[in-house]
N, C-alpha and C. Protein backbone atom coordinates (compact mmCIF):
# COMPACT_ATOMS: atom_id res chain seq x y z
N MET A 1 90.95 66.23 122.84
CA MET A 1 92.23 66.08 122.21
C MET A 1 93.29 66.75 123.10
N GLN A 2 94.41 66.09 123.25
CA GLN A 2 95.49 66.65 124.05
C GLN A 2 96.31 67.63 123.22
N ASP A 3 96.84 68.64 123.90
CA ASP A 3 97.69 69.61 123.22
C ASP A 3 99.12 69.14 123.12
N GLU A 4 99.57 68.39 124.11
CA GLU A 4 100.96 67.95 124.15
C GLU A 4 101.02 66.46 124.44
N PRO A 5 101.92 65.74 123.90
CA PRO A 5 102.85 66.16 122.85
C PRO A 5 102.16 66.16 121.48
N ARG A 6 102.66 67.03 120.62
CA ARG A 6 102.14 67.11 119.25
C ARG A 6 102.62 65.89 118.45
N PRO A 7 101.92 65.56 117.36
CA PRO A 7 102.34 64.41 116.55
C PRO A 7 103.80 64.49 116.08
N ASP A 8 104.24 65.68 115.68
CA ASP A 8 105.63 65.80 115.22
C ASP A 8 106.61 65.53 116.36
N GLU A 9 106.25 65.91 117.57
CA GLU A 9 107.12 65.65 118.72
C GLU A 9 107.18 64.15 119.05
N LEU A 10 106.04 63.47 118.93
CA LEU A 10 106.02 62.03 119.17
C LEU A 10 106.86 61.28 118.14
N ILE A 11 106.70 61.65 116.89
CA ILE A 11 107.46 60.97 115.83
C ILE A 11 108.95 61.22 116.00
N LYS A 12 109.32 62.44 116.33
CA LYS A 12 110.73 62.76 116.55
C LYS A 12 111.28 61.96 117.73
N ALA A 13 110.50 61.83 118.79
CA ALA A 13 110.95 61.07 119.96
C ALA A 13 111.21 59.61 119.61
N VAL A 14 110.33 59.03 118.80
CA VAL A 14 110.52 57.64 118.37
C VAL A 14 111.78 57.53 117.51
N ALA A 15 111.94 58.44 116.56
CA ALA A 15 113.13 58.41 115.70
C ALA A 15 114.40 58.56 116.52
N ASP A 16 114.41 59.49 117.47
CA ASP A 16 115.58 59.70 118.32
C ASP A 16 115.88 58.46 119.16
N PHE A 17 114.84 57.84 119.70
CA PHE A 17 115.03 56.62 120.49
C PHE A 17 115.65 55.51 119.64
N LEU A 18 115.10 55.31 118.45
CA LEU A 18 115.64 54.28 117.56
C LEU A 18 117.09 54.58 117.18
N ARG A 19 117.36 55.82 116.87
CA ARG A 19 118.70 56.24 116.45
C ARG A 19 119.71 56.09 117.59
N ASP A 20 119.31 56.53 118.79
CA ASP A 20 120.25 56.59 119.91
C ASP A 20 120.38 55.30 120.70
N HIS A 21 119.30 54.50 120.77
CA HIS A 21 119.32 53.34 121.65
C HIS A 21 119.25 51.99 120.93
N ILE A 22 118.62 51.95 119.79
CA ILE A 22 118.47 50.67 119.09
C ILE A 22 119.54 50.51 118.01
N ALA A 23 119.74 51.54 117.21
CA ALA A 23 120.70 51.45 116.11
C ALA A 23 122.10 51.00 116.55
N PRO A 24 122.63 51.49 117.67
CA PRO A 24 123.97 51.06 118.06
C PRO A 24 124.06 49.56 118.40
N GLN A 25 122.92 48.92 118.63
CA GLN A 25 122.92 47.52 119.04
C GLN A 25 122.78 46.54 117.88
N ILE A 26 122.53 47.03 116.67
CA ILE A 26 122.34 46.11 115.55
C ILE A 26 123.29 46.46 114.42
N SER A 27 123.45 45.54 113.50
CA SER A 27 124.37 45.76 112.38
C SER A 27 123.82 45.07 111.13
N GLY A 28 124.56 45.21 110.06
CA GLY A 28 124.21 44.55 108.81
C GLY A 28 122.95 45.08 108.18
N HIS A 29 122.22 44.18 107.52
CA HIS A 29 121.04 44.57 106.77
C HIS A 29 119.94 45.11 107.70
N ALA A 30 119.85 44.56 108.90
CA ALA A 30 118.85 45.05 109.86
C ALA A 30 119.13 46.50 110.22
N ALA A 31 120.41 46.86 110.38
CA ALA A 31 120.77 48.25 110.68
C ALA A 31 120.41 49.16 109.51
N PHE A 32 120.62 48.67 108.30
CA PHE A 32 120.25 49.45 107.11
C PHE A 32 118.75 49.70 107.08
N LYS A 33 117.97 48.65 107.30
CA LYS A 33 116.51 48.80 107.29
C LYS A 33 116.04 49.73 108.41
N LEU A 34 116.69 49.65 109.56
CA LEU A 34 116.34 50.56 110.65
C LEU A 34 116.64 52.00 110.25
N ARG A 35 117.77 52.23 109.61
CA ARG A 35 118.15 53.58 109.18
C ARG A 35 117.12 54.13 108.17
N VAL A 36 116.64 53.27 107.27
CA VAL A 36 115.60 53.69 106.31
C VAL A 36 114.35 54.11 107.08
N GLY A 37 113.97 53.34 108.08
CA GLY A 37 112.80 53.69 108.89
C GLY A 37 112.98 54.99 109.65
N ILE A 38 114.16 55.18 110.22
CA ILE A 38 114.45 56.43 110.95
C ILE A 38 114.39 57.62 109.99
N ASN A 39 114.95 57.45 108.80
CA ASN A 39 114.91 58.53 107.81
C ASN A 39 113.47 58.87 107.44
N ALA A 40 112.62 57.85 107.31
CA ALA A 40 111.21 58.09 106.99
C ALA A 40 110.53 58.86 108.13
N LEU A 41 110.82 58.49 109.36
CA LEU A 41 110.24 59.22 110.50
C LEU A 41 110.73 60.66 110.53
N ASP A 42 112.02 60.88 110.25
CA ASP A 42 112.55 62.24 110.20
C ASP A 42 111.86 63.06 109.11
N LEU A 43 111.61 62.42 107.96
CA LEU A 43 110.93 63.11 106.86
C LEU A 43 109.51 63.50 107.25
N VAL A 44 108.79 62.59 107.88
CA VAL A 44 107.42 62.89 108.32
C VAL A 44 107.42 64.03 109.34
N THR A 45 108.39 64.03 110.24
CA THR A 45 108.49 65.11 111.22
C THR A 45 108.65 66.45 110.52
N ARG A 46 109.55 66.48 109.52
CA ARG A 46 109.75 67.74 108.78
C ARG A 46 108.49 68.12 108.00
N GLN A 47 107.80 67.15 107.44
CA GLN A 47 106.56 67.46 106.73
C GLN A 47 105.53 68.08 107.67
N LEU A 48 105.41 67.51 108.85
CA LEU A 48 104.43 68.03 109.81
C LEU A 48 104.78 69.42 110.29
N THR A 49 106.06 69.72 110.42
CA THR A 49 106.44 71.02 110.96
C THR A 49 106.63 72.10 109.91
N LEU A 50 106.98 71.73 108.68
CA LEU A 50 107.31 72.73 107.66
C LEU A 50 106.30 72.86 106.53
N ALA A 51 105.66 71.78 106.17
CA ALA A 51 104.85 71.78 104.96
C ALA A 51 103.67 72.74 105.00
N GLY A 52 103.04 72.91 106.14
CA GLY A 52 101.88 73.80 106.22
C GLY A 52 102.21 75.22 105.82
N ASP A 53 103.27 75.77 106.39
CA ASP A 53 103.67 77.14 106.05
C ASP A 53 104.15 77.26 104.61
N SER A 54 104.95 76.28 104.17
CA SER A 54 105.46 76.38 102.80
C SER A 54 104.34 76.18 101.78
N ASP A 55 103.38 75.31 102.08
CA ASP A 55 102.24 75.14 101.18
C ASP A 55 101.42 76.42 101.10
N ALA A 56 101.22 77.09 102.24
CA ALA A 56 100.46 78.33 102.25
C ALA A 56 101.17 79.41 101.44
N ALA A 57 102.49 79.50 101.59
CA ALA A 57 103.26 80.49 100.83
C ALA A 57 103.22 80.17 99.34
N GLU A 58 103.32 78.90 99.00
CA GLU A 58 103.26 78.49 97.59
C GLU A 58 101.90 78.83 97.00
N LEU A 59 100.84 78.58 97.75
CA LEU A 59 99.50 78.88 97.27
C LEU A 59 99.32 80.37 97.01
N LEU A 60 99.81 81.20 97.91
CA LEU A 60 99.72 82.65 97.70
C LEU A 60 100.49 83.08 96.45
N ARG A 61 101.70 82.53 96.26
CA ARG A 61 102.48 82.88 95.07
C ARG A 61 101.75 82.45 93.80
N LEU A 62 101.18 81.26 93.82
CA LEU A 62 100.47 80.76 92.64
C LEU A 62 99.24 81.61 92.32
N LYS A 63 98.48 82.00 93.32
CA LYS A 63 97.30 82.83 93.09
C LYS A 63 97.70 84.14 92.42
N LYS A 64 98.78 84.74 92.90
CA LYS A 64 99.25 85.99 92.32
C LYS A 64 99.81 85.77 90.91
N LEU A 65 100.63 84.76 90.76
CA LEU A 65 101.27 84.47 89.49
C LEU A 65 100.27 84.14 88.39
N LEU A 66 99.26 83.35 88.74
CA LEU A 66 98.29 82.87 87.76
C LEU A 66 97.05 83.76 87.68
N ASP A 67 96.91 84.68 88.63
CA ASP A 67 95.70 85.50 88.74
C ASP A 67 94.47 84.60 88.71
N ALA A 68 94.52 83.59 89.57
CA ALA A 68 93.44 82.60 89.63
C ALA A 68 93.29 82.14 91.07
N ASP A 69 92.17 81.51 91.35
CA ASP A 69 91.91 80.97 92.67
C ASP A 69 91.72 79.47 92.53
N GLY A 70 91.99 78.76 93.60
CA GLY A 70 91.83 77.31 93.61
C GLY A 70 92.70 76.70 94.67
N SER A 71 92.69 75.38 94.73
CA SER A 71 93.52 74.67 95.69
C SER A 71 94.96 74.64 95.19
N LEU A 72 95.85 74.26 96.05
CA LEU A 72 97.25 74.14 95.67
C LEU A 72 97.41 73.15 94.52
N ARG A 73 96.73 72.05 94.59
CA ARG A 73 96.79 71.03 93.52
C ARG A 73 96.24 71.60 92.21
N GLU A 74 95.11 72.26 92.29
CA GLU A 74 94.51 72.82 91.07
C GLU A 74 95.41 73.87 90.43
N LEU A 75 95.96 74.76 91.25
CA LEU A 75 96.80 75.83 90.70
C LEU A 75 98.13 75.30 90.18
N ASN A 76 98.66 74.27 90.81
CA ASN A 76 99.87 73.65 90.26
C ASN A 76 99.57 72.98 88.93
N GLY A 77 98.39 72.40 88.80
CA GLY A 77 97.98 71.83 87.52
C GLY A 77 97.86 72.90 86.45
N LEU A 78 97.26 74.04 86.81
CA LEU A 78 97.12 75.15 85.87
C LEU A 78 98.48 75.69 85.47
N LEU A 79 99.37 75.84 86.43
CA LEU A 79 100.73 76.30 86.12
C LEU A 79 101.41 75.34 85.15
N SER A 80 101.29 74.06 85.41
CA SER A 80 101.89 73.05 84.53
C SER A 80 101.33 73.15 83.11
N GLU A 81 100.03 73.34 83.02
CA GLU A 81 99.40 73.47 81.70
C GLU A 81 99.93 74.70 80.96
N ARG A 82 100.04 75.80 81.68
CA ARG A 82 100.51 77.03 81.04
C ARG A 82 101.97 76.92 80.61
N ILE A 83 102.78 76.27 81.39
CA ILE A 83 104.18 76.08 81.01
C ILE A 83 104.26 75.13 79.81
N ALA A 84 103.51 74.04 79.84
CA ALA A 84 103.53 73.07 78.75
C ALA A 84 103.04 73.68 77.44
N SER A 85 102.07 74.58 77.52
CA SER A 85 101.51 75.18 76.30
C SER A 85 102.38 76.32 75.78
N GLY A 86 103.33 76.77 76.59
CA GLY A 86 104.17 77.90 76.20
C GLY A 86 103.59 79.24 76.60
N ALA A 87 102.44 79.23 77.27
CA ALA A 87 101.83 80.49 77.70
C ALA A 87 102.66 81.16 78.79
N MET A 88 103.45 80.36 79.51
CA MET A 88 104.34 80.90 80.53
C MET A 88 105.71 80.25 80.36
N ASP A 89 106.74 81.03 80.59
CA ASP A 89 108.10 80.50 80.60
C ASP A 89 108.93 81.32 81.57
N LEU A 90 110.23 81.07 81.62
CA LEU A 90 111.06 81.75 82.62
C LEU A 90 111.13 83.26 82.45
N SER A 91 110.67 83.75 81.31
CA SER A 91 110.62 85.21 81.15
C SER A 91 109.35 85.81 81.76
N THR A 92 108.41 84.96 82.16
CA THR A 92 107.18 85.42 82.80
C THR A 92 107.52 86.00 84.18
N PRO A 93 107.15 87.26 84.42
CA PRO A 93 107.47 87.87 85.71
C PRO A 93 106.97 87.03 86.88
N GLY A 94 107.87 86.72 87.81
CA GLY A 94 107.52 85.99 89.02
C GLY A 94 107.66 84.48 88.93
N LEU A 95 107.69 83.93 87.71
CA LEU A 95 107.72 82.47 87.59
C LEU A 95 109.02 81.88 88.11
N GLN A 96 110.14 82.44 87.71
CA GLN A 96 111.41 81.89 88.13
C GLN A 96 111.54 81.94 89.66
N ASP A 97 111.16 83.06 90.26
CA ASP A 97 111.23 83.17 91.71
C ASP A 97 110.31 82.15 92.38
N HIS A 98 109.11 81.99 91.84
CA HIS A 98 108.17 81.02 92.40
C HIS A 98 108.76 79.62 92.36
N LEU A 99 109.31 79.24 91.22
CA LEU A 99 109.88 77.90 91.09
C LEU A 99 111.05 77.71 92.05
N TRP A 100 111.88 78.73 92.20
CA TRP A 100 113.03 78.64 93.10
C TRP A 100 112.57 78.51 94.55
N GLN A 101 111.62 79.35 94.97
CA GLN A 101 111.13 79.30 96.35
C GLN A 101 110.45 77.97 96.65
N THR A 102 109.72 77.45 95.68
CA THR A 102 109.05 76.15 95.85
C THR A 102 110.07 75.04 95.97
N THR A 103 111.11 75.10 95.16
CA THR A 103 112.17 74.09 95.22
C THR A 103 112.87 74.12 96.57
N LEU A 104 113.20 75.30 97.06
CA LEU A 104 113.86 75.41 98.36
C LEU A 104 112.98 74.87 99.48
N ALA A 105 111.69 75.16 99.41
CA ALA A 105 110.76 74.67 100.44
C ALA A 105 110.67 73.15 100.42
N LYS A 106 110.67 72.57 99.22
CA LYS A 106 110.62 71.11 99.11
C LYS A 106 111.91 70.47 99.62
N LEU A 107 113.03 71.09 99.31
CA LEU A 107 114.31 70.57 99.80
C LEU A 107 114.41 70.65 101.32
N ALA A 108 113.83 71.69 101.91
CA ALA A 108 113.84 71.82 103.37
C ALA A 108 113.18 70.62 104.03
N VAL A 109 112.19 70.05 103.38
CA VAL A 109 111.50 68.88 103.90
C VAL A 109 112.20 67.60 103.48
N ASP A 110 112.47 67.48 102.19
CA ASP A 110 112.97 66.22 101.65
C ASP A 110 114.46 65.98 101.88
N GLN A 111 115.28 66.99 101.70
CA GLN A 111 116.74 66.83 101.74
C GLN A 111 117.42 68.02 102.39
N PRO A 112 117.15 68.30 103.66
CA PRO A 112 117.73 69.50 104.29
C PRO A 112 119.25 69.46 104.42
N ASN A 113 119.86 68.31 104.28
CA ASN A 113 121.31 68.21 104.37
C ASN A 113 122.00 68.20 103.01
N TYR A 114 121.23 68.37 101.94
CA TYR A 114 121.78 68.42 100.59
C TYR A 114 122.72 69.62 100.51
N ALA A 115 123.95 69.38 100.08
CA ALA A 115 125.00 70.41 100.14
C ALA A 115 124.62 71.69 99.41
N SER A 116 124.07 71.59 98.23
CA SER A 116 123.70 72.79 97.47
C SER A 116 122.59 73.56 98.18
N TYR A 117 121.66 72.85 98.77
CA TYR A 117 120.58 73.51 99.52
C TYR A 117 121.18 74.26 100.72
N ARG A 118 122.03 73.60 101.45
CA ARG A 118 122.64 74.24 102.63
C ARG A 118 123.44 75.47 102.25
N ARG A 119 124.18 75.39 101.14
CA ARG A 119 124.94 76.54 100.67
C ARG A 119 124.02 77.71 100.34
N GLU A 120 122.95 77.41 99.66
CA GLU A 120 121.98 78.45 99.28
C GLU A 120 121.37 79.09 100.52
N MET A 121 121.02 78.30 101.50
CA MET A 121 120.40 78.83 102.71
C MET A 121 121.39 79.68 103.50
N GLU A 122 122.65 79.33 103.48
CA GLU A 122 123.66 80.13 104.17
C GLU A 122 123.86 81.48 103.51
N GLN A 123 123.62 81.56 102.21
CA GLN A 123 123.79 82.81 101.47
C GLN A 123 122.60 83.75 101.65
N GLN A 124 121.49 83.23 102.07
CA GLN A 124 120.29 84.08 102.23
C GLN A 124 120.28 84.82 103.53
């Protein structure tokens, strides 16, 4: 297996090429569809570069918050069950912070240019 270029670098290179060299040459519905494709490539790049660390941090917070062990999916399911049953709510120590940190991490991948997200990150 080669070390370079990494998958995120390859995907970014393709997105940049499409954005810089192909997009200026087309218009109309084809340009719209190209922009959708470029956005998808940008999203995948962010997932590859950011999701691993944010998933690991989320898993650690969940293990502490729930005092349980399991996969990220399992612990998110357990958290959902506890919130739905009323066993946990925003007065539960650590829950509000966990939800906020998880939301910020998801926005970093999904919508990093979202105005409210950017404002929040500038304040931190």
